[in-house]
Amino acid sequence: MKPLMALAAMALSMTETSGAAEAELKIARAGARPVSAAPAENFTGTVKVEMLYTPAGSERASAGTVSFSPGARTVWHSHPLGQTLVVTAGIGRVQRWGGPVEQIRVGDVVHIPAHVKHWHGAAADSAMTHIAITEAQGGKSAEWMEQVSEAQYGAATAPVPATASAPATQGQQLFGDIAPKFAQLTDEVLFGDVWALPGLSPRDRSLVTVSALIAMNRPDQLRGHLARARQNGLTDAELIEATTHLAFYTGWPNAVTAIGVAREVLKQPRP
């Protein structure tokens, strides 16, 4: 009897293992996820949301990319299991109830504990994009409250502590040693504001920028933007196809130059 029971247990174990092995990875490709306007009752200003993933089955976590136009923000709200924000573009603001308004920038990670009343959004003069990671409890991930008043939003921000180990920004790397103001404008206006506006996805902005640089025959700038385009989800095949297409509209020599730059960039491992 015992051998039969052991055999049955082994068969059950193999069935469970087989079932687990059948679960498949899910890949939501860049550029294929829908972008929608955030609900007006929970936000002030223009805000776009791209859901990265939503919970299924027993899962509780969800994540989305939220893009705020300058001055846009959430209403006051809280989360039953907390929330984590990762700033990916621009300059923003965050505040907990009773605390100072804090400035947040690219690379900053904000953790809001469970049930802490707070708001977050873009700075008045800069767009801001962050990834929001939230867990649901009982099917509910947020409790939405009252609007953030203009006085609350416009309060002076707390000083940002200096961090000696903070990595150099793209503008600082390119121009910081000789043109610090130009580097600041590159970081805060071009990449921090224009590239963070919600009207186009980063992938689409990369395709437009690469096309413009090919048309103007700017190989030095094209090199960096081809690498950025790969980071933003464009495939190598799409970049070569775009270059081939542009040859008929912007001139064969421009496309030849672009192909030479692409050969150099695309042979590097993808980020």
C-alpha atoms as a PDB file:
ATOM      1  CA  MET A   1       0.000   0.000   0.000  1.00  0.00           C
ATOM      2  CA  LYS A   2       2.797   2.378   0.919  1.00  0.00           C
ATOM      3  CA  PRO A   3       4.504   2.041  -2.499  1.00  0.00           C
ATOM      4  CA  LEU A   4       1.181   2.862  -4.177  1.00  0.00           C
ATOM      5  CA  MET A   5       0.737   5.928  -1.991  1.00  0.00           C
ATOM      6  CA  ALA A   6       4.291   7.034  -2.753  1.00  0.00           C
ATOM      7  CA  LEU A   7       3.695   6.532  -6.474  1.00  0.00           C
ATOM      8  CA  ALA A   8       0.467   8.541  -6.294  1.00  0.00           C
ATOM      9  CA  ALA A   9       2.241  11.336  -4.436  1.00  0.00           C
ATOM     10  CA  MET A  10       4.996  11.355  -7.054  1.00  0.00           C
ATOM     11  CA  ALA A  11       2.444  11.523  -9.862  1.00  0.00           C
ATOM     12  CA  LEU A  12       0.673  14.430  -8.160  1.00  0.00           C
ATOM     13  CA  SER A  13       3.992  16.222  -7.714  1.00  0.00           C
ATOM     14  CA  MET A  14       4.836  15.733 -11.384  1.00  0.00           C
ATOM     15  CA  THR A  15       1.418  17.078 -12.381  1.00  0.00           C
ATOM     16  CA  GLU A  16       1.905  20.191 -10.267  1.00  0.00           C
ATOM     17  CA  THR A  17       5.402  20.708 -11.674  1.00  0.00           C
ATOM     18  CA  SER A  18       4.116  20.239 -15.205  1.00  0.00           C
ATOM     19  CA  GLY A  19       1.358  22.784 -14.592  1.00  0.00           C
ATOM     20  CA  ALA A  20       3.866  25.291 -13.238  1.00  0.00           C
ATOM     21  CA  ALA A  21       6.124  24.726 -16.230  1.00  0.00           C
ATOM     22  CA  GLU A  22       3.257  25.567 -18.588  1.00  0.00           C
ATOM     23  CA  ALA A  23       3.047  29.143 -17.297  1.00  0.00           C
ATOM     24  CA  GLU A  24       4.488  31.473 -19.914  1.00  0.00           C
ATOM     25  CA  LEU A  25       6.329  34.752 -19.734  1.00  0.00           C
ATOM     26  CA  LYS A  26       4.344  37.770 -20.849  1.00  0.00           C
ATOM     27  CA  ILE A  27       6.201  40.495 -22.731  1.00  0.00           C
ATOM     28  CA  ALA A  28       4.397  43.774 -23.393  1.00  0.00           C
ATOM     29  CA  ARG A  29       6.456  45.316 -26.172  1.00  0.00           C
ATOM     30  CA  ALA A  30       7.409  48.987 -26.147  1.00  0.00           C
ATOM     31  CA  GLY A  31       5.049  50.993 -28.311  1.00  0.00           C
ATOM     32  CA  ALA A  32       2.328  48.331 -28.151  1.00  0.00           C
ATOM     33  CA  ARG A  33       0.799  49.343 -24.812  1.00  0.00           C
ATOM     34  CA  PRO A  34      -2.150  51.773 -24.926  1.00  0.00           C
ATOM     35  CA  VAL A  35      -1.786  55.275 -23.482  1.00  0.00           C
ATOM     36  CA  SER A  36      -4.890  56.892 -22.006  1.00  0.00           C
ATOM     37  CA  ALA A  37      -5.845  60.130 -20.291  1.00  0.00           C
ATOM     38  CA  ALA A  38      -5.893  59.915 -16.505  1.00  0.00           C
ATOM     39  CA  PRO A  39      -9.365  60.319 -14.938  1.00  0.00           C
ATOM     40  CA  ALA A  40     -10.096  64.023 -14.468  1.00  0.00           C
ATOM     41  CA  GLU A  41     -11.651  63.507 -11.033  1.00  0.00           C
ATOM     42  CA  ASN A  42      -8.331  62.228  -9.660  1.00  0.00           C
ATOM     43  CA  PHE A  43      -5.918  64.628 -11.381  1.00  0.00           C
ATOM     44  CA  THR A  44      -5.435  68.313 -12.158  1.00  0.00           C
ATOM     45  CA  GLY A  45      -4.061  69.214 -15.594  1.00  0.00           C
ATOM     46  CA  THR A  46      -3.065  66.971 -18.484  1.00  0.00           C
ATOM     47  CA  VAL A  47      -1.891  63.536 -17.374  1.00  0.00           C
ATOM     48  CA  LYS A  48      -1.366  60.422 -19.521  1.00  0.00           C
ATOM     49  CA  VAL A  49      -1.088  56.868 -18.196  1.00  0.00           C
ATOM     50  CA  GLU A  50       0.523  53.860 -19.856  1.00  0.00           C
ATOM     51  CA  MET A  51      -0.126  50.706 -17.841  1.00  0.00           C
ATOM     52  CA  LEU A  52       2.963  48.503 -17.805  1.00  0.00           C
ATOM     53  CA  TYR A  53       1.256  45.570 -16.119  1.00  0.00           C
ATOM     54  CA  THR A  54      -1.880  44.805 -14.147  1.00  0.00           C
ATOM     55  CA  PRO A  55      -2.379  42.070 -11.546  1.00  0.00           C
ATOM     56  CA  ALA A  56      -3.825  38.728 -12.564  1.00  0.00           C
ATOM     57  CA  GLY A  57      -5.068  35.897 -10.379  1.00  0.00           C
ATOM     58  CA  SER A  58      -3.578  36.135  -6.902  1.00  0.00           C
ATOM     59  CA  GLU A  59      -1.164  38.928  -7.879  1.00  0.00           C
ATOM     60  CA  ARG A  60      -1.566  42.330  -6.217  1.00  0.00           C
ATOM     61  CA  ALA A  61       1.021  44.606  -7.836  1.00  0.00           C
ATOM     62  CA  SER A  62       0.479  46.870 -10.822  1.00  0.00           C
ATOM     63  CA  ALA A  63       2.762  49.385 -12.504  1.00  0.00           C
ATOM     64  CA  GLY A  64       2.225  52.241 -14.907  1.00  0.00           C
ATOM     65  CA  THR A  65       4.115  55.090 -16.522  1.00  0.00           C
ATOM     66  CA  VAL A  66       2.426  58.373 -15.616  1.00  0.00           C
ATOM     67  CA  SER A  67       3.314  61.527 -17.585  1.00  0.00           C
ATOM     68  CA  PHE A  68       2.362  64.913 -16.115  1.00  0.00           C
ATOM     69  CA  SER A  69       2.376  68.137 -18.137  1.00  0.00           C
ATOM     70  CA  PRO A  70       3.807  71.203 -16.335  1.00  0.00           C
ATOM     71  CA  GLY A  71       1.655  72.046 -13.312  1.00  0.00           C
ATOM     72  CA  ALA A  72      -0.330  68.795 -13.453  1.00  0.00           C
ATOM     73  CA  ARG A  73      -0.692  66.670 -10.318  1.00  0.00           C
ATOM     74  CA  THR A  74      -2.803  64.120  -8.502  1.00  0.00           C
ATOM     75  CA  VAL A  75      -5.422  64.942  -5.899  1.00  0.00           C
ATOM     76  CA  TRP A  76      -4.664  64.080  -2.290  1.00  0.00           C
ATOM     77  CA  HIS A  77      -4.829  60.309  -1.901  1.00  0.00           C
ATOM     78  CA  SER A  78      -3.433  57.285  -0.071  1.00  0.00           C
ATOM     79  CA  HIS A  79      -2.731  53.613  -0.798  1.00  0.00           C
ATOM     80  CA  PRO A  80      -3.702  50.661   1.409  1.00  0.00           C
ATOM     81  CA  LEU A  81      -0.345  48.937   0.847  1.00  0.00           C
ATOM     82  CA  GLY A  82       1.814  51.923  -0.101  1.00  0.00           C
ATOM     83  CA  GLN A  83       3.323  52.980  -3.413  1.00  0.00           C
ATOM     84  CA  THR A  84       6.754  53.428  -5.002  1.00  0.00           C
ATOM     85  CA  LEU A  85       7.516  56.087  -7.626  1.00  0.00           C
ATOM     86  CA  VAL A  86      10.569  56.046  -9.914  1.00  0.00           C
ATOM     87  CA  VAL A  87      11.161  59.361 -11.707  1.00  0.00           C
ATOM     88  CA  THR A  88      12.246  58.766 -15.307  1.00  0.00           C
ATOM     89  CA  ALA A  89      12.000  62.250 -16.851  1.00  0.00           C
ATOM     90  CA  GLY A  90      11.589  65.880 -15.896  1.00  0.00           C
ATOM     91  CA  ILE A  91      11.194  67.576 -12.532  1.00  0.00           C
ATOM     92  CA  GLY A  92       8.331  66.932 -10.137  1.00  0.00           C
ATOM     93  CA  ARG A  93       6.935  67.536  -6.687  1.00  0.00           C
ATOM     94  CA  VAL A  94       5.658  65.267  -3.929  1.00  0.00           C
ATOM     95  CA  GLN A  95       4.203  66.031  -0.506  1.00  0.00           C
ATOM     96  CA  ARG A  96       2.785  64.059   2.390  1.00  0.00           C
ATOM     97  CA  TRP A  97       0.052  65.590   4.502  1.00  0.00           C
ATOM     98  CA  GLY A  98       1.647  67.943   7.019  1.00  0.00           C
ATOM     99  CA  GLY A  99       5.093  67.741   5.402  1.00  0.00           C
ATOM    100  CA  PRO A 100       7.053  70.028   3.062  1.00  0.00           C
ATOM    101  CA  VAL A 101       6.759  69.969  -0.720  1.00  0.00           C
ATOM    102  CA  GLU A 102       9.744  67.963  -1.973  1.00  0.00           C
ATOM    103  CA  GLN A 103      11.334  68.349  -5.401  1.00  0.00           C
ATOM    104  CA  ILE A 104      11.998  65.094  -7.278  1.00  0.00           C
ATOM    105  CA  ARG A 105      14.196  64.578 -10.322  1.00  0.00           C
ATOM    106  CA  VAL A 106      15.266  61.870 -12.752  1.00  0.00           C
ATOM    107  CA  GLY A 107      16.578  58.823 -10.903  1.00  0.00           C
ATOM    108  CA  ASP A 108      14.855  59.656  -7.605  1.00  0.00           C
ATOM    109  CA  VAL A 109      12.817  56.863  -6.004  1.00  0.00           C
ATOM    110  CA  VAL A 110       9.957  57.819  -3.682  1.00  0.00           C
ATOM    111  CA  HIS A 111       8.335  55.300  -1.329  1.00  0.00           C
ATOM    112  CA  ILE A 112       4.986  56.283   0.167  1.00  0.00           C
ATOM    113  CA  PRO A 113       4.038  54.076   3.143  1.00  0.00           C
ATOM    114  CA  ALA A 114       0.576  52.561   3.478  1.00  0.00           C
ATOM    115  CA  HIS A 115      -2.277  54.948   4.372  1.00  0.00           C
ATOM    116  CA  VAL A 116      -0.087  58.086   4.141  1.00  0.00           C
ATOM    117  CA  LYS A 117      -2.061  60.953   2.598  1.00  0.00           C
ATOM    118  CA  HIS A 118      -0.018  62.577  -0.178  1.00  0.00           C
ATOM    119  CA  TRP A 119       0.061  63.978  -3.710  1.00  0.00           C
ATOM    120  CA  HIS A 120       2.620  64.082  -6.523  1.00  0.00           C
ATOM    121  CA  GLY A 121       2.962  65.720  -9.922  1.00  0.00           C
ATOM    122  CA  ALA A 122       5.075  67.875 -12.207  1.00  0.00           C
ATOM    123  CA  ALA A 123       6.820  71.124 -11.365  1.00  0.00           C
ATOM    124  CA  ALA A 124       5.143  74.322 -12.536  1.00  0.00           C
ATOM    125  CA  ASP A 125       7.694  74.860 -15.315  1.00  0.00           C
ATOM    126  CA  SER A 126       8.593  71.281 -16.240  1.00  0.00           C
ATOM    127  CA  ALA A 127       6.836  68.109 -17.275  1.00  0.00           C
ATOM    128  CA  MET A 128       7.542  64.973 -15.242  1.00  0.00           C
ATOM    129  CA  THR A 129       7.211  61.248 -15.843  1.00  0.00           C
ATOM    130  CA  HIS A 130       7.418  58.518 -13.247  1.00  0.00           C
ATOM    131  CA  ILE A 131       6.732  54.819 -12.979  1.00  0.00           C
ATOM    132  CA  ALA A 132       4.204  54.091 -10.223  1.00  0.00           C
ATOM    133  CA  ILE A 133       4.231  50.653  -8.572  1.00  0.00           C
ATOM    134  CA  THR A 134       1.212  49.917  -6.403  1.00  0.00           C
ATOM    135  CA  GLU A 135      -0.349  46.927  -4.644  1.00  0.00           C
ATOM    136  CA  ALA A 136      -4.073  46.415  -4.254  1.00  0.00           C
ATOM    137  CA  GLN A 137      -5.890  45.213  -1.164  1.00  0.00           C
ATOM    138  CA  GLY A 138      -9.353  43.803  -1.622  1.00  0.00           C
ATOM    139  CA  GLY A 139      -9.261  44.954  -5.234  1.00  0.00           C
ATOM    140  CA  LYS A 140      -8.587  48.589  -4.235  1.00  0.00           C
ATOM    141  CA  SER A 141      -5.218  50.289  -4.717  1.00  0.00           C
ATOM    142  CA  ALA A 142      -5.997  53.927  -3.829  1.00  0.00           C
ATOM    143  CA  GLU A 143      -8.351  56.126  -1.852  1.00  0.00           C
ATOM    144  CA  TRP A 144      -8.859  59.408  -3.688  1.00  0.00           C
ATOM    145  CA  MET A 145      -9.548  62.556  -1.678  1.00  0.00           C
ATOM    146  CA  GLU A 146      -9.793  66.327  -2.205  1.00  0.00           C
ATOM    147  CA  GLN A 147      -8.014  68.491  -4.770  1.00  0.00           C
ATOM    148  CA  VAL A 148      -4.578  69.948  -4.065  1.00  0.00           C
ATOM    149  CA  SER A 149      -5.151  73.697  -3.764  1.00  0.00           C
ATOM    150  CA  GLU A 150      -3.069  76.219  -5.684  1.00  0.00           C
ATOM    151  CA  ALA A 151      -1.599  77.417  -2.382  1.00  0.00           C
ATOM    152  CA  GLN A 152      -0.582  73.877  -1.428  1.00  0.00           C
ATOM    153  CA  TYR A 153       0.868  73.186  -4.864  1.00  0.00           C
ATOM    154  CA  GLY A 154       2.706  76.510  -5.066  1.00  0.00           C
ATOM    155  CA  ALA A 155       4.385  76.267  -1.658  1.00  0.00           C
ATOM    156  CA  ALA A 156       8.162  76.584  -1.689  1.00  0.00           C
ATOM    157  CA  THR A 157       9.959  73.276  -2.085  1.00  0.00           C
ATOM    158  CA  ALA A 158      12.342  71.984   0.553  1.00  0.00           C
ATOM    159  CA  PRO A 159      16.077  72.247  -0.267  1.00  0.00           C
ATOM    160  CA  VAL A 160      17.390  69.256  -2.194  1.00  0.00           C
ATOM    161  CA  PRO A 161      20.269  67.688  -0.249  1.00  0.00           C
ATOM    162  CA  ALA A 162      23.554  67.555  -2.111  1.00  0.00           C
ATOM    163  CA  THR A 163      24.753  64.098  -3.111  1.00  0.00           C
ATOM    164  CA  ALA A 164      28.431  63.900  -3.951  1.00  0.00           C
ATOM    165  CA  SER A 165      27.962  60.555  -5.676  1.00  0.00           C
ATOM    166  CA  ALA A 166      25.069  61.624  -7.922  1.00  0.00           C
ATOM    167  CA  PRO A 167      25.778  60.510 -11.511  1.00  0.00           C
ATOM    168  CA  ALA A 168      26.407  63.180 -14.120  1.00  0.00           C
ATOM    169  CA  THR A 169      23.423  63.945 -16.319  1.00  0.00           C
ATOM    170  CA  GLN A 170      23.562  63.602 -20.084  1.00  0.00           C
ATOM    171  CA  GLY A 171      23.950  67.353 -20.521  1.00  0.00           C
ATOM    172  CA  GLN A 172      26.708  67.487 -17.919  1.00  0.00           C
ATOM    173  CA  GLN A 173      28.565  64.673 -19.631  1.00  0.00           C
ATOM    174  CA  LEU A 174      28.359  66.362 -23.035  1.00  0.00           C
ATOM    175  CA  PHE A 175      28.808  70.054 -22.240  1.00  0.00           C
ATOM    176  CA  GLY A 176      29.145  70.540 -18.484  1.00  0.00           C
ATOM    177  CA  ASP A 177      32.867  71.259 -18.538  1.00  0.00           C
ATOM    178  CA  ILE A 178      32.639  74.088 -21.067  1.00  0.00           C
ATOM    179  CA  ALA A 179      28.994  75.250 -21.199  1.00  0.00           C
ATOM    180  CA  PRO A 180      27.243  74.525 -17.876  1.00  0.00           C
ATOM    181  CA  LYS A 181      24.171  76.635 -18.709  1.00  0.00           C
ATOM    182  CA  PHE A 182      23.754  74.854 -22.038  1.00  0.00           C
ATOM    183  CA  ALA A 183      24.068  71.550 -20.168  1.00  0.00           C
ATOM    184  CA  GLN A 184      21.360  72.682 -17.732  1.00  0.00           C
ATOM    185  CA  LEU A 185      19.010  73.659 -20.573  1.00  0.00           C
ATOM    186  CA  THR A 186      19.670  70.325 -22.277  1.00  0.00           C
ATOM    187  CA  ASP A 187      18.816  68.392 -19.120  1.00  0.00           C
ATOM    188  CA  GLU A 188      15.904  70.431 -17.807  1.00  0.00           C
ATOM    189  CA  VAL A 189      14.225  71.804 -20.946  1.00  0.00           C
ATOM    190  CA  LEU A 190      15.039  69.400 -23.780  1.00  0.00           C
ATOM    191  CA  PHE A 191      15.098  66.053 -21.965  1.00  0.00           C
ATOM    192  CA  GLY A 192      13.339  67.107 -18.766  1.00  0.00           C
ATOM    193  CA  ASP A 193      10.417  68.913 -20.419  1.00  0.00           C
ATOM    194  CA  VAL A 194      10.083  68.396 -24.187  1.00  0.00           C
ATOM    195  CA  TRP A 195      10.940  64.688 -24.149  1.00  0.00           C
ATOM    196  CA  ALA A 196       8.644  64.170 -21.136  1.00  0.00           C
ATOM    197  CA  LEU A 197       5.527  65.747 -22.673  1.00  0.00           C
ATOM    198  CA  PRO A 198       2.723  63.160 -22.827  1.00  0.00           C
ATOM    199  CA  GLY A 199       1.601  63.799 -26.424  1.00  0.00           C
ATOM    200  CA  LEU A 200       4.151  61.376 -27.905  1.00  0.00           C
ATOM    201  CA  SER A 201       5.695  58.257 -26.416  1.00  0.00           C
ATOM    202  CA  PRO A 202       9.508  58.174 -25.957  1.00  0.00           C
ATOM    203  CA  ARG A 203       9.621  55.595 -28.754  1.00  0.00           C
ATOM    204  CA  ASP A 204       7.819  57.912 -31.183  1.00  0.00           C
ATOM    205  CA  ARG A 205       9.987  60.878 -30.180  1.00  0.00           C
ATOM    206  CA  SER A 206      13.090  58.811 -30.880  1.00  0.00           C
ATOM    207  CA  LEU A 207      11.825  57.852 -34.341  1.00  0.00           C
ATOM    208  CA  VAL A 208      11.058  61.506 -35.166  1.00  0.00           C
ATOM    209  CA  THR A 209      14.442  62.677 -33.860  1.00  0.00           C
ATOM    210  CA  VAL A 210      16.443  59.997 -35.667  1.00  0.00           C
ATOM    211  CA  SER A 211      14.602  60.806 -38.908  1.00  0.00           C
ATOM    212  CA  ALA A 212      15.338  64.528 -38.538  1.00  0.00           C
ATOM    213  CA  LEU A 213      19.028  63.913 -37.862  1.00  0.00           C
ATOM    214  CA  ILE A 214      19.300  61.641 -40.915  1.00  0.00           C
ATOM    215  CA  ALA A 215      17.588  64.294 -43.051  1.00  0.00           C
ATOM    216  CA  MET A 216      19.991  66.986 -41.795  1.00  0.00           C
ATOM    217  CA  ASN A 217      23.024  64.661 -42.116  1.00  0.00           C
ATOM    218  CA  ARG A 218      24.124  65.069 -38.485  1.00  0.00           C
ATOM    219  CA  PRO A 219      26.128  61.879 -37.797  1.00  0.00           C
ATOM    220  CA  ASP A 220      27.565  63.025 -34.443  1.00  0.00           C
ATOM    221  CA  GLN A 221      24.135  63.617 -32.918  1.00  0.00           C
ATOM    222  CA  LEU A 222      22.654  60.615 -34.735  1.00  0.00           C
ATOM    223  CA  ARG A 223      25.057  58.279 -32.967  1.00  0.00           C
ATOM    224  CA  GLY A 224      23.696  59.093 -29.518  1.00  0.00           C
ATOM    225  CA  HIS A 225      20.077  59.161 -30.628  1.00  0.00           C
ATOM    226  CA  LEU A 226      20.288  55.753 -32.284  1.00  0.00           C
ATOM    227  CA  ALA A 227      21.413  54.360 -28.932  1.00  0.00           C
ATOM    228  CA  ARG A 228      18.595  56.240 -27.199  1.00  0.00           C
ATOM    229  CA  ALA A 229      16.082  54.923 -29.752  1.00  0.00           C
ATOM    230  CA  ARG A 230      17.046  51.354 -28.871  1.00  0.00           C
ATOM    231  CA  GLN A 231      16.549  52.147 -25.184  1.00  0.00           C
ATOM    232  CA  ASN A 232      13.112  53.554 -26.021  1.00  0.00           C
ATOM    233  CA  GLY A 233      11.978  50.367 -27.747  1.00  0.00           C
ATOM    234  CA  LEU A 234      12.795  50.746 -31.449  1.00  0.00           C
ATOM    235  CA  THR A 235      14.234  47.571 -32.939  1.00  0.00           C
ATOM    236  CA  ASP A 236      17.383  47.500 -35.050  1.00  0.00           C
ATOM    237  CA  ALA A 237      15.300  46.348 -38.023  1.00  0.00           C
ATOM    238  CA  GLU A 238      12.951  49.333 -37.626  1.00  0.00           C
ATOM    239  CA  LEU A 239      15.858  51.781 -37.505  1.00  0.00           C
ATOM    240  CA  ILE A 240      17.386  50.347 -40.691  1.00  0.00           C
ATOM    241  CA  GLU A 241      13.982  50.306 -42.404  1.00  0.00           C
ATOM    242  CA  ALA A 242      13.443  53.971 -41.491  1.00  0.00           C
ATOM    243  CA  THR A 243      16.873  54.856 -42.893  1.00  0.00           C
ATOM    244  CA  THR A 244      16.139  53.021 -46.142  1.00  0.00           C
ATOM    245  CA  HIS A 245      12.790  54.788 -46.457  1.00  0.00           C
ATOM    246  CA  LEU A 246      14.376  58.187 -45.827  1.00  0.00           C
ATOM    247  CA  ALA A 247      16.952  57.634 -48.573  1.00  0.00           C
ATOM    248  CA  PHE A 248      14.227  58.351 -51.138  1.00  0.00           C
ATOM    249  CA  TYR A 249      13.107  61.562 -49.430  1.00  0.00           C
ATOM    250  CA  THR A 250      16.226  63.092 -47.882  1.00  0.00           C
ATOM    251  CA  GLY A 251      18.940  62.014 -50.312  1.00  0.00           C
ATOM    252  CA  TRP A 252      21.042  58.910 -50.883  1.00  0.00           C
ATOM    253  CA  PRO A 253      24.265  60.374 -49.387  1.00  0.00           C
ATOM    254  CA  ASN A 254      22.451  61.186 -46.130  1.00  0.00           C
ATOM    255  CA  ALA A 255      21.226  57.605 -45.866  1.00  0.00           C
ATOM    256  CA  VAL A 256      24.693  56.227 -46.666  1.00  0.00           C
ATOM    257  CA  THR A 257      26.161  58.296 -43.831  1.00  0.00           C
ATOM    258  CA  ALA A 258      23.389  57.141 -41.482  1.00  0.00           C
ATOM    259  CA  ILE A 259      23.948  53.479 -42.362  1.00  0.00           C
ATOM    260  CA  GLY A 260      27.625  53.887 -41.498  1.00  0.00           C
ATOM    261  CA  VAL A 261      26.734  55.316 -38.095  1.00  0.00           C
ATOM    262  CA  ALA A 262      24.121  52.599 -37.563  1.00  0.00           C
ATOM    263  CA  ARG A 263      26.692  49.884 -38.331  1.00  0.00           C
ATOM    264  CA  GLU A 264      28.804  51.247 -35.484  1.00  0.00           C
ATOM    265  CA  VAL A 265      25.962  51.684 -32.976  1.00  0.00           C
ATOM    266  CA  LEU A 266      23.842  48.615 -33.685  1.00  0.00           C
ATOM    267  CA  LYS A 267      26.707  46.167 -33.277  1.00  0.00           C
ATOM    268  CA  GLN A 268      26.805  47.113 -29.598  1.00  0.00           C
ATOM    269  CA  PRO A 269      24.749  44.947 -27.195  1.00  0.00           C
ATOM    270  CA  ARG A 270      21.229  46.233 -26.656  1.00  0.00           C
ATOM    271  CA  PRO A 271      20.682  47.912 -23.262  1.00  0.00           C
END
